[in-house]
Amino acid sequence: ADSDLLYWIKGIANGWRLDVLVDEPEVSPPAVQG
């Protein structure tokens, strides 16, 4: 539960500012490789 909460908080904290930066690299490599 603590781990989930930490991920959730970090996700929100990073999401607001790094939403695109975090989302794109995660989706781009598989898309480019595939």
PDB file of N, CA and C in Angstrom:
ATOM      1  N   ALA A   1       0.846  -1.206   0.000  1.00  0.00           N
ATOM      2  CA  ALA A   1       0.000   0.000   0.000  1.00  0.00           C
ATOM      3  C   ALA A   1       0.877   1.250   0.000  1.00  0.00           C
ATOM      4  N   ASP A   2       1.906   1.254   0.820  1.00  0.00           N
ATOM      5  CA  ASP A   2       2.807   2.416   0.862  1.00  0.00           C
ATOM      6  C   ASP A   2       3.454   2.627  -0.499  1.00  0.00           C
ATOM      7  N   SER A   3       3.835   1.530  -1.133  1.00  0.00           N
ATOM      8  CA  SER A   3       4.496   1.628  -2.437  1.00  0.00           C
ATOM      9  C   SER A   3       3.528   2.228  -3.458  1.00  0.00           C
ATOM     10  N   ASP A   4       2.282   1.749  -3.436  1.00  0.00           N
ATOM     11  CA  ASP A   4       1.277   2.266  -4.358  1.00  0.00           C
ATOM     12  C   ASP A   4       1.062   3.754  -4.146  1.00  0.00           C
ATOM     13  N   LEU A   5       0.940   4.141  -2.871  1.00  0.00           N
ATOM     14  CA  LEU A   5       0.698   5.545  -2.547  1.00  0.00           C
ATOM     15  C   LEU A   5       1.861   6.399  -3.020  1.00  0.00           C
ATOM     16  N   LEU A   6       3.079   5.900  -2.806  1.00  0.00           N
ATOM     17  CA  LEU A   6       4.265   6.648  -3.217  1.00  0.00           C
ATOM     18  C   LEU A   6       4.267   6.818  -4.733  1.00  0.00           C
ATOM     19  N   TYR A   7       3.945   5.744  -5.442  1.00  0.00           N
ATOM     20  CA  TYR A   7       3.903   5.814  -6.904  1.00  0.00           C
ATOM     21  C   TYR A   7       2.836   6.804  -7.358  1.00  0.00           C
ATOM     22  N   TRP A   8       1.679   6.755  -6.674  1.00  0.00           N
ATOM     23  CA  TRP A   8       0.564   7.624  -7.030  1.00  0.00           C
ATOM     24  C   TRP A   8       0.945   9.088  -6.837  1.00  0.00           C
ATOM     25  N   ILE A   9       1.578   9.383  -5.687  1.00  0.00           N
ATOM     26  CA  ILE A   9       1.989  10.763  -5.398  1.00  0.00           C
ATOM     27  C   ILE A   9       3.050  11.208  -6.389  1.00  0.00           C
ATOM     28  N   LYS A  10       4.039  10.345  -6.633  1.00  0.00           N
ATOM     29  CA  LYS A  10       5.110  10.695  -7.573  1.00  0.00           C
ATOM     30  C   LYS A  10       4.526  10.869  -8.967  1.00  0.00           C
ATOM     31  N   GLY A  11       3.561  10.038  -9.309  1.00  0.00           N
ATOM     32  CA  GLY A  11       2.932  10.131 -10.620  1.00  0.00           C
ATOM     33  C   GLY A  11       2.235  11.472 -10.801  1.00  0.00           C
ATOM     34  N   ILE A  12       1.564  11.928  -9.760  1.00  0.00           N
ATOM     35  CA  ILE A  12       0.866  13.219  -9.831  1.00  0.00           C
ATOM     36  C   ILE A  12       1.880  14.358  -9.868  1.00  0.00           C
ATOM     37  N   ALA A  13       2.876  14.294  -8.988  1.00  0.00           N
ATOM     38  CA  ALA A  13       3.886  15.350  -8.914  1.00  0.00           C
ATOM     39  C   ALA A  13       4.627  15.464 -10.237  1.00  0.00           C
ATOM     40  N   ASN A  14       4.966  14.330 -10.828  1.00  0.00           N
ATOM     41  CA  ASN A  14       5.697  14.347 -12.093  1.00  0.00           C
ATOM     42  C   ASN A  14       4.748  14.555 -13.269  1.00  0.00           C
ATOM     43  N   GLY A  15       3.542  14.020 -13.152  1.00  0.00           N
ATOM     44  CA  GLY A  15       2.577  14.089 -14.238  1.00  0.00           C
ATOM     45  C   GLY A  15       2.253  15.513 -14.661  1.00  0.00           C
ATOM     46  N   TRP A  16       2.086  16.385 -13.678  1.00  0.00           N
ATOM     47  CA  TRP A  16       1.704  17.758 -14.007  1.00  0.00           C
ATOM     48  C   TRP A  16       2.775  18.450 -14.838  1.00  0.00           C
ATOM     49  N   ARG A  17       4.046  18.139 -14.576  1.00  0.00           N
ATOM     50  CA  ARG A  17       5.136  18.838 -15.266  1.00  0.00           C
ATOM     51  C   ARG A  17       5.792  17.972 -16.337  1.00  0.00           C
ATOM     52  N   LEU A  18       5.850  16.662 -16.120  1.00  0.00           N
ATOM     53  CA  LEU A  18       6.586  15.796 -17.048  1.00  0.00           C
ATOM     54  C   LEU A  18       5.660  14.784 -17.715  1.00  0.00           C
ATOM     55  N   ASP A  19       4.382  15.138 -17.824  1.00  0.00           N
ATOM     56  CA  ASP A  19       3.415  14.210 -18.405  1.00  0.00           C
ATOM     57  C   ASP A  19       3.885  13.747 -19.776  1.00  0.00           C
ATOM     58  N   VAL A  20       4.238  14.696 -20.629  1.00  0.00           N
ATOM     59  CA  VAL A  20       4.647  14.359 -21.995  1.00  0.00           C
ATOM     60  C   VAL A  20       6.024  13.718 -21.990  1.00  0.00           C
ATOM     61  N   LEU A  21       6.929  14.268 -21.174  1.00  0.00           N
ATOM     62  CA  LEU A  21       8.301  13.754 -21.143  1.00  0.00           C
ATOM     63  C   LEU A  21       8.326  12.312 -20.663  1.00  0.00           C
ATOM     64  N   VAL A  22       7.477  11.977 -19.711  1.00  0.00           N
ATOM     65  CA  VAL A  22       7.470  10.616 -19.169  1.00  0.00           C
ATOM     66  C   VAL A  22       6.656   9.690 -20.065  1.00  0.00           C
ATOM     67  N   ASP A  23       5.567  10.202 -20.622  1.00  0.00           N
ATOM     68  CA  ASP A  23       4.666   9.369 -21.403  1.00  0.00           C
ATOM     69  C   ASP A  23       5.274   9.013 -22.759  1.00  0.00           C
ATOM     70  N   GLU A  24       5.880   9.977 -23.420  1.00  0.00           N
ATOM     71  CA  GLU A  24       6.393   9.730 -24.771  1.00  0.00           C
ATOM     72  C   GLU A  24       7.498   8.681 -24.811  1.00  0.00           C
ATOM     73  N   PRO A  25       8.578   8.846 -24.028  1.00  0.00           N
ATOM     74  CA  PRO A  25       9.661   7.854 -24.063  1.00  0.00           C
ATOM     75  C   PRO A  25       9.152   6.449 -23.752  1.00  0.00           C
ATOM     76  N   GLU A  26       8.127   6.355 -22.908  1.00  0.00           N
ATOM     77  CA  GLU A  26       7.606   5.047 -22.537  1.00  0.00           C
ATOM     78  C   GLU A  26       6.863   4.411 -23.709  1.00  0.00           C
ATOM     79  N   VAL A  27       6.215   5.240 -24.520  1.00  0.00           N
ATOM     80  CA  VAL A  27       5.400   4.715 -25.614  1.00  0.00           C
ATOM     81  C   VAL A  27       6.181   4.696 -26.924  1.00  0.00           C
ATOM     82  N   SER A  28       7.102   5.626 -27.089  1.00  0.00           N
ATOM     83  CA  SER A  28       7.819   5.748 -28.360  1.00  0.00           C
ATOM     84  C   SER A  28       8.706   4.543 -28.692  1.00  0.00           C
ATOM     85  N   PRO A  29       9.611   4.137 -27.800  1.00  0.00           N
ATOM     86  CA  PRO A  29      10.521   3.033 -28.136  1.00  0.00           C
ATOM     87  C   PRO A  29       9.796   1.784 -28.641  1.00  0.00           C
ATOM     88  N   PRO A  30       8.775   1.293 -27.928  1.00  0.00           N
ATOM     89  CA  PRO A  30       8.054   0.111 -28.434  1.00  0.00           C
ATOM     90  C   PRO A  30       7.399   0.392 -29.775  1.00  0.00           C
ATOM     91  N   ALA A  31       6.861   1.584 -29.940  1.00  0.00           N
ATOM     92  CA  ALA A  31       6.183   1.922 -31.187  1.00  0.00           C
ATOM     93  C   ALA A  31       7.190   1.969 -32.332  1.00  0.00           C
ATOM     94  N   VAL A  32       8.371   2.515 -32.061  1.00  0.00           N
ATOM     95  CA  VAL A  32       9.399   2.625 -33.097  1.00  0.00           C
ATOM     96  C   VAL A  32       9.960   1.246 -33.423  1.00  0.00           C
ATOM     97  N   GLN A  33      10.162   0.434 -32.394  1.00  0.00           N
ATOM     98  CA  GLN A  33      10.723  -0.901 -32.606  1.00  0.00           C
ATOM     99  C   GLN A  33       9.725  -1.780 -33.358  1.00  0.00           C
ATOM    100  N   GLY A  34       8.434  -1.653 -32.987  1.00  0.00           N
ATOM    101  CA  GLY A  34       7.412  -2.492 -33.601  1.00  0.00           C
ATOM    102  C   GLY A  34       7.173  -2.053 -35.020  1.00  0.00           C
TER     103      GLY A  34
END
